[in-house]
N, C-alpha and C. Protein backbone atom coordinates (compact mmCIF):
# COMPACT_ATOMS: atom_id res chain seq x y z
N THR A 1 -20.38 71.28 10.63
CA THR A 1 -21.14 70.93 11.81
C THR A 1 -20.24 71.01 13.03
N SER A 2 -20.81 70.76 14.18
CA SER A 2 -20.02 70.85 15.40
C SER A 2 -18.93 69.78 15.43
N LYS A 3 -19.04 68.74 14.62
CA LYS A 3 -18.05 67.66 14.60
C LYS A 3 -17.08 67.79 13.44
N MET A 4 -17.25 68.78 12.59
CA MET A 4 -16.41 68.96 11.41
C MET A 4 -15.05 69.51 11.82
N LYS A 5 -13.99 68.77 11.46
CA LYS A 5 -12.64 69.20 11.78
C LYS A 5 -11.79 69.17 10.51
N PRO A 6 -10.87 70.14 10.38
CA PRO A 6 -9.96 70.11 9.23
C PRO A 6 -9.26 68.76 9.12
N GLY A 7 -9.13 68.29 7.89
CA GLY A 7 -8.50 67.00 7.63
C GLY A 7 -9.47 65.84 7.59
N ASP A 8 -10.68 66.03 8.12
CA ASP A 8 -11.69 64.97 8.09
C ASP A 8 -12.21 64.77 6.67
N LEU A 9 -12.68 63.57 6.41
CA LEU A 9 -13.26 63.21 5.12
C LEU A 9 -14.75 63.50 5.14
N PHE A 10 -15.24 64.19 4.10
CA PHE A 10 -16.65 64.55 4.02
C PHE A 10 -17.18 64.25 2.63
N GLY A 11 -18.47 63.97 2.56
CA GLY A 11 -19.14 63.82 1.28
C GLY A 11 -19.67 65.15 0.82
N PHE A 12 -19.62 65.40 -0.50
CA PHE A 12 -20.20 66.62 -1.06
C PHE A 12 -20.69 66.35 -2.46
N ARG A 13 -21.45 67.29 -3.01
CA ARG A 13 -22.02 67.16 -4.35
C ARG A 13 -21.20 67.93 -5.36
N THR A 14 -21.06 67.35 -6.54
CA THR A 14 -20.37 68.01 -7.65
C THR A 14 -21.24 67.85 -8.89
N SER A 15 -20.79 68.44 -10.00
CA SER A 15 -21.54 68.28 -11.25
C SER A 15 -21.57 66.83 -11.69
N GLY A 16 -20.59 66.04 -11.24
CA GLY A 16 -20.55 64.62 -11.59
C GLY A 16 -21.27 63.73 -10.59
N GLY A 17 -21.88 64.32 -9.57
CA GLY A 17 -22.59 63.54 -8.56
C GLY A 17 -21.87 63.59 -7.22
N PRO A 18 -22.27 62.73 -6.31
CA PRO A 18 -21.65 62.72 -4.98
C PRO A 18 -20.19 62.27 -5.04
N THR A 19 -19.38 62.85 -4.19
CA THR A 19 -17.99 62.44 -4.06
C THR A 19 -17.57 62.70 -2.61
N ALA A 20 -16.35 62.38 -2.28
CA ALA A 20 -15.84 62.60 -0.93
C ALA A 20 -14.46 63.23 -1.02
N GLY A 21 -14.12 64.03 -0.02
CA GLY A 21 -12.82 64.65 0.00
C GLY A 21 -12.46 65.13 1.39
N LYS A 22 -11.21 65.56 1.53
CA LYS A 22 -10.71 66.05 2.82
C LYS A 22 -10.83 67.56 2.89
N TRP A 23 -11.22 68.04 4.07
CA TRP A 23 -11.30 69.48 4.29
C TRP A 23 -9.90 70.02 4.48
N GLY A 24 -9.44 70.84 3.54
CA GLY A 24 -8.13 71.47 3.60
C GLY A 24 -7.36 71.33 2.31
N LEU A 25 -7.21 72.44 1.58
CA LEU A 25 -6.42 72.45 0.36
C LEU A 25 -4.93 72.42 0.70
N PHE A 26 -4.12 72.08 -0.27
CA PHE A 26 -2.66 72.09 -0.14
C PHE A 26 -2.20 71.25 1.04
N GLY A 27 -2.74 70.03 1.13
CA GLY A 27 -2.35 69.13 2.21
C GLY A 27 -2.81 69.58 3.58
N GLY A 28 -3.92 70.30 3.63
CA GLY A 28 -4.47 70.76 4.90
C GLY A 28 -3.98 72.12 5.35
N GLN A 29 -3.45 72.91 4.43
CA GLN A 29 -2.93 74.23 4.80
C GLN A 29 -3.95 75.35 4.65
N GLN A 30 -5.01 75.15 3.89
CA GLN A 30 -6.00 76.21 3.66
C GLN A 30 -7.40 75.61 3.77
N TYR A 31 -8.21 76.13 4.70
CA TYR A 31 -9.54 75.58 4.98
C TYR A 31 -10.67 76.43 4.43
N ASN A 32 -10.40 77.69 4.18
CA ASN A 32 -11.40 78.61 3.65
C ASN A 32 -10.84 79.31 2.42
N ALA A 33 -11.74 79.80 1.57
CA ALA A 33 -11.35 80.56 0.38
C ALA A 33 -12.35 81.70 0.21
N ARG A 34 -11.85 82.90 0.04
CA ARG A 34 -12.72 84.07 -0.13
C ARG A 34 -13.45 84.01 -1.46
N SER A 35 -14.76 84.07 -1.41
CA SER A 35 -15.56 84.00 -2.63
C SER A 35 -15.30 85.20 -3.54
N GLU A 36 -14.93 86.34 -2.97
CA GLU A 36 -14.67 87.54 -3.76
C GLU A 36 -13.45 87.35 -4.67
N ARG A 37 -12.60 86.39 -4.36
CA ARG A 37 -11.38 86.17 -5.14
C ARG A 37 -11.46 84.87 -5.95
N LEU A 38 -12.67 84.35 -6.09
CA LEU A 38 -12.89 83.08 -6.77
C LEU A 38 -12.30 83.07 -8.17
N ASP A 39 -12.65 84.04 -9.00
CA ASP A 39 -12.16 84.05 -10.37
C ASP A 39 -10.69 84.41 -10.47
N GLU A 40 -10.20 85.17 -9.50
CA GLU A 40 -8.80 85.60 -9.51
C GLU A 40 -7.84 84.49 -9.07
N LEU A 41 -8.15 83.81 -7.98
CA LEU A 41 -7.22 82.85 -7.40
C LEU A 41 -7.59 81.39 -7.59
N TYR A 42 -8.87 81.12 -7.82
CA TYR A 42 -9.33 79.72 -7.80
C TYR A 42 -10.03 79.31 -9.10
N ARG A 43 -9.68 79.94 -10.18
CA ARG A 43 -10.35 79.68 -11.46
C ARG A 43 -10.27 78.21 -11.89
N GLU A 44 -9.13 77.57 -11.60
CA GLU A 44 -8.94 76.18 -12.05
C GLU A 44 -9.60 75.16 -11.12
N TYR A 45 -10.09 75.59 -9.98
CA TYR A 45 -10.72 74.66 -9.05
C TYR A 45 -12.16 74.40 -9.44
N ARG A 46 -12.61 73.18 -9.18
CA ARG A 46 -14.01 72.84 -9.42
C ARG A 46 -14.83 73.29 -8.24
N ARG A 47 -16.13 73.45 -8.46
CA ARG A 47 -17.03 73.89 -7.40
C ARG A 47 -17.91 72.75 -6.96
N GLY A 48 -18.31 72.78 -5.70
CA GLY A 48 -19.20 71.76 -5.17
C GLY A 48 -20.05 72.33 -4.06
N ILE A 49 -20.85 71.47 -3.46
CA ILE A 49 -21.75 71.88 -2.39
C ILE A 49 -21.61 70.90 -1.23
N LEU A 50 -21.37 71.45 -0.05
CA LEU A 50 -21.25 70.67 1.17
C LEU A 50 -22.50 70.94 2.01
N PHE A 51 -23.15 69.88 2.48
CA PHE A 51 -24.34 70.03 3.31
C PHE A 51 -23.95 69.86 4.78
N VAL A 52 -24.31 70.83 5.61
CA VAL A 52 -24.02 70.78 7.05
C VAL A 52 -25.25 71.20 7.83
N ASP A 53 -25.39 70.67 9.04
CA ASP A 53 -26.54 71.04 9.86
C ASP A 53 -26.29 72.30 10.67
N SER A 54 -25.02 72.72 10.78
CA SER A 54 -24.69 73.96 11.49
C SER A 54 -23.29 74.38 11.12
N PHE A 55 -22.94 75.60 11.50
CA PHE A 55 -21.56 76.06 11.37
C PHE A 55 -21.23 76.95 12.55
N TRP A 56 -19.94 77.10 12.80
CA TRP A 56 -19.46 77.88 13.94
C TRP A 56 -18.69 79.09 13.45
N GLU A 57 -18.95 80.23 14.06
CA GLU A 57 -18.16 81.44 13.83
C GLU A 57 -18.03 82.17 15.16
N GLY A 58 -16.83 82.54 15.51
CA GLY A 58 -16.60 83.30 16.73
C GLY A 58 -17.10 82.63 18.00
N GLY A 59 -17.02 81.29 18.05
CA GLY A 59 -17.47 80.55 19.22
C GLY A 59 -18.97 80.36 19.33
N LYS A 60 -19.72 80.74 18.29
CA LYS A 60 -21.18 80.59 18.29
C LYS A 60 -21.58 79.61 17.20
N GLU A 61 -22.49 78.69 17.52
CA GLU A 61 -23.00 77.74 16.54
C GLU A 61 -24.26 78.32 15.91
N PHE A 62 -24.35 78.24 14.59
CA PHE A 62 -25.50 78.73 13.85
C PHE A 62 -26.22 77.56 13.21
N LYS A 63 -27.53 77.50 13.44
CA LYS A 63 -28.39 76.47 12.84
C LYS A 63 -29.58 77.17 12.20
N ARG A 64 -30.24 76.47 11.30
CA ARG A 64 -31.44 77.02 10.67
C ARG A 64 -32.64 76.74 11.55
N THR A 65 -33.53 77.70 11.61
CA THR A 65 -34.74 77.53 12.41
C THR A 65 -35.63 76.44 11.84
N THR A 66 -35.49 76.15 10.56
CA THR A 66 -36.30 75.11 9.91
C THR A 66 -35.79 73.71 10.20
N GLY A 67 -34.56 73.61 10.71
CA GLY A 67 -33.95 72.30 10.94
C GLY A 67 -33.30 71.72 9.71
N LYS A 68 -33.43 72.39 8.56
CA LYS A 68 -32.81 71.90 7.32
C LYS A 68 -31.31 72.19 7.32
N ASP A 69 -30.59 71.43 6.52
CA ASP A 69 -29.16 71.64 6.37
C ASP A 69 -28.87 72.91 5.60
N PHE A 70 -27.69 73.48 5.84
CA PHE A 70 -27.16 74.54 5.00
C PHE A 70 -26.50 73.90 3.79
N ALA A 71 -26.62 74.51 2.64
CA ALA A 71 -25.89 74.12 1.44
C ALA A 71 -24.77 75.15 1.27
N ILE A 72 -23.54 74.74 1.52
CA ILE A 72 -22.40 75.65 1.53
C ILE A 72 -21.55 75.43 0.28
N GLY A 73 -21.18 76.53 -0.37
CA GLY A 73 -20.32 76.45 -1.54
C GLY A 73 -18.89 76.10 -1.15
N ILE A 74 -18.29 75.21 -1.93
CA ILE A 74 -16.89 74.82 -1.71
C ILE A 74 -16.15 74.83 -3.04
N ILE A 75 -14.82 74.82 -2.98
CA ILE A 75 -13.99 74.56 -4.15
C ILE A 75 -13.14 73.34 -3.82
N PHE A 76 -12.78 72.57 -4.85
CA PHE A 76 -11.94 71.40 -4.61
C PHE A 76 -10.99 71.16 -5.76
N ASN A 77 -9.90 70.48 -5.46
CA ASN A 77 -8.85 70.21 -6.44
C ASN A 77 -8.95 68.76 -6.93
N PRO A 78 -8.10 68.35 -7.87
CA PRO A 78 -8.16 66.98 -8.39
C PRO A 78 -7.93 65.89 -7.33
N GLN A 79 -7.27 66.23 -6.22
CA GLN A 79 -7.06 65.26 -5.15
C GLN A 79 -8.26 65.21 -4.19
N CYS A 80 -9.32 65.95 -4.53
CA CYS A 80 -10.54 66.05 -3.71
C CYS A 80 -10.28 66.65 -2.33
N GLU A 81 -9.30 67.52 -2.24
CA GLU A 81 -9.14 68.35 -1.05
C GLU A 81 -10.02 69.57 -1.29
N PHE A 82 -10.73 70.03 -0.25
CA PHE A 82 -11.63 71.15 -0.48
C PHE A 82 -11.49 72.25 0.56
N ALA A 83 -11.94 73.45 0.17
CA ALA A 83 -12.00 74.60 1.07
C ALA A 83 -13.42 75.16 1.01
N VAL A 84 -13.89 75.65 2.13
CA VAL A 84 -15.21 76.27 2.22
C VAL A 84 -15.11 77.70 1.69
N LEU A 85 -16.00 78.06 0.77
CA LEU A 85 -16.05 79.44 0.29
C LEU A 85 -16.66 80.32 1.38
N THR A 86 -16.07 81.49 1.58
CA THR A 86 -16.58 82.42 2.58
C THR A 86 -16.95 83.74 1.94
N CYS A 87 -17.72 84.54 2.67
CA CYS A 87 -18.17 85.85 2.22
C CYS A 87 -18.26 86.76 3.45
N PRO A 88 -18.45 88.06 3.25
CA PRO A 88 -18.65 88.92 4.42
C PRO A 88 -19.87 88.44 5.21
N ALA A 89 -19.79 88.56 6.51
CA ALA A 89 -20.88 88.08 7.38
C ALA A 89 -22.15 88.89 7.16
N ASN A 90 -23.29 88.20 7.29
CA ASN A 90 -24.57 88.90 7.26
C ASN A 90 -24.83 89.49 8.65
N GLU A 91 -25.98 90.14 8.82
CA GLU A 91 -26.27 90.83 10.08
C GLU A 91 -26.39 89.87 11.27
N ILE A 92 -26.73 88.64 11.04
CA ILE A 92 -26.88 87.66 12.13
C ILE A 92 -25.51 87.20 12.63
N VAL A 93 -24.59 86.97 11.72
CA VAL A 93 -23.27 86.45 12.07
C VAL A 93 -22.29 87.56 12.45
N LYS A 94 -22.47 88.75 11.89
CA LYS A 94 -21.53 89.86 12.05
C LYS A 94 -21.12 90.15 13.51
N PRO A 95 -22.01 90.07 14.51
CA PRO A 95 -21.56 90.33 15.88
C PRO A 95 -20.52 89.32 16.39
N TYR A 96 -20.39 88.17 15.71
CA TYR A 96 -19.49 87.11 16.16
C TYR A 96 -18.24 86.99 15.31
N HIS A 97 -18.35 87.32 14.02
CA HIS A 97 -17.20 87.18 13.11
C HIS A 97 -17.49 88.00 11.86
N HIS A 98 -16.43 88.48 11.21
CA HIS A 98 -16.60 89.30 10.01
C HIS A 98 -16.79 88.48 8.73
N ARG A 99 -16.58 87.17 8.78
CA ARG A 99 -16.77 86.29 7.62
C ARG A 99 -17.70 85.16 8.00
N MET A 100 -18.26 84.50 6.99
CA MET A 100 -19.13 83.34 7.20
C MET A 100 -19.08 82.46 5.96
N PRO A 101 -19.53 81.19 6.07
CA PRO A 101 -19.58 80.34 4.87
C PRO A 101 -20.53 80.92 3.83
N LEU A 102 -20.23 80.68 2.58
CA LEU A 102 -21.10 81.13 1.49
C LEU A 102 -22.24 80.14 1.37
N ILE A 103 -23.43 80.56 1.76
CA ILE A 103 -24.59 79.67 1.84
C ILE A 103 -25.48 79.86 0.63
N LEU A 104 -25.81 78.75 -0.02
CA LEU A 104 -26.69 78.79 -1.18
C LEU A 104 -28.14 78.88 -0.75
N ALA A 105 -28.95 79.55 -1.55
CA ALA A 105 -30.38 79.60 -1.29
C ALA A 105 -30.96 78.20 -1.43
N GLU A 106 -32.11 77.97 -0.80
CA GLU A 106 -32.72 76.63 -0.82
C GLU A 106 -33.00 76.11 -2.21
N ASN A 107 -33.28 76.98 -3.15
CA ASN A 107 -33.63 76.53 -4.50
C ASN A 107 -32.40 76.39 -5.39
N TRP A 108 -31.23 76.11 -4.79
CA TRP A 108 -29.99 76.03 -5.58
C TRP A 108 -30.10 75.01 -6.69
N SER A 109 -30.77 73.89 -6.46
CA SER A 109 -31.01 72.90 -7.51
C SER A 109 -31.92 71.82 -6.98
N GLN A 110 -33.01 71.61 -7.65
CA GLN A 110 -33.93 70.55 -7.24
C GLN A 110 -33.41 69.17 -7.61
N SER A 111 -32.56 69.11 -8.62
CA SER A 111 -32.10 67.81 -9.11
C SER A 111 -30.73 67.41 -8.54
N LEU A 112 -30.17 68.26 -7.70
CA LEU A 112 -28.83 68.04 -7.14
C LEU A 112 -27.74 68.04 -8.20
N GLU A 113 -28.03 68.55 -9.39
CA GLU A 113 -27.01 68.68 -10.41
C GLU A 113 -26.61 70.14 -10.47
N ILE A 114 -25.31 70.40 -10.50
CA ILE A 114 -24.83 71.76 -10.59
C ILE A 114 -23.87 71.88 -11.76
N PRO A 115 -23.70 73.08 -12.30
CA PRO A 115 -22.76 73.24 -13.40
C PRO A 115 -21.34 72.90 -12.95
N LYS A 116 -20.50 72.55 -13.91
CA LYS A 116 -19.11 72.24 -13.58
C LYS A 116 -18.46 73.42 -12.86
N LEU A 117 -18.72 74.63 -13.34
CA LEU A 117 -18.21 75.83 -12.70
C LEU A 117 -19.37 76.75 -12.38
N LEU A 118 -19.60 76.99 -11.12
CA LEU A 118 -20.64 77.92 -10.71
C LEU A 118 -20.07 79.33 -10.76
N SER A 119 -20.86 80.27 -11.25
CA SER A 119 -20.42 81.66 -11.20
C SER A 119 -20.72 82.20 -9.81
N LEU A 120 -20.04 83.24 -9.43
CA LEU A 120 -20.25 83.83 -8.12
C LEU A 120 -21.68 84.31 -7.96
N ASP A 121 -22.31 84.74 -9.06
CA ASP A 121 -23.69 85.22 -9.01
C ASP A 121 -24.66 84.13 -8.60
N GLU A 122 -24.31 82.86 -8.72
CA GLU A 122 -25.20 81.78 -8.37
C GLU A 122 -25.20 81.45 -6.88
N PHE A 123 -24.29 82.07 -6.11
CA PHE A 123 -24.25 81.89 -4.67
C PHE A 123 -25.07 82.99 -4.02
N ILE A 124 -26.10 82.62 -3.29
CA ILE A 124 -26.99 83.58 -2.66
C ILE A 124 -27.05 83.28 -1.17
N LEU A 125 -26.92 84.30 -0.34
CA LEU A 125 -26.99 84.10 1.11
C LEU A 125 -28.40 83.71 1.53
N ALA A 126 -28.48 82.77 2.42
CA ALA A 126 -29.75 82.37 3.01
C ALA A 126 -29.73 82.75 4.49
N ASP A 127 -30.80 82.44 5.22
CA ASP A 127 -30.83 82.74 6.65
C ASP A 127 -29.76 81.94 7.36
N ALA A 128 -29.22 82.51 8.42
CA ALA A 128 -28.15 81.85 9.17
C ALA A 128 -28.42 81.85 10.65
N ALA A 129 -29.64 81.53 11.02
CA ALA A 129 -29.96 81.49 12.46
C ALA A 129 -30.81 80.28 12.74
């Protein structure tokens, strides 16, 4: 969101339920992680979902026209430090930045329960305007 800053504490969902952690892996040194390298570099990290009402790329704030939150894929370590998963930008974000958060489709889970490890195929881009 517009108030989200690296190092801040945020709540997110995991397979074990709600938890909280700091934005920034390795003591705040890494804030994003490329989803394309998930299995290569981040296999041991757990996956979670962070809910935000907007995100910023290239100085532009993106919100959903429905007013609903975005469900963004994250990875986190045992210390509950997390990084936002990113992917190549869609057509809406591309004029502002070449990457964007990995946004889950609205039907990601009705029960708010997710597998311990989500496969990359389970992350689907949703609208970002």
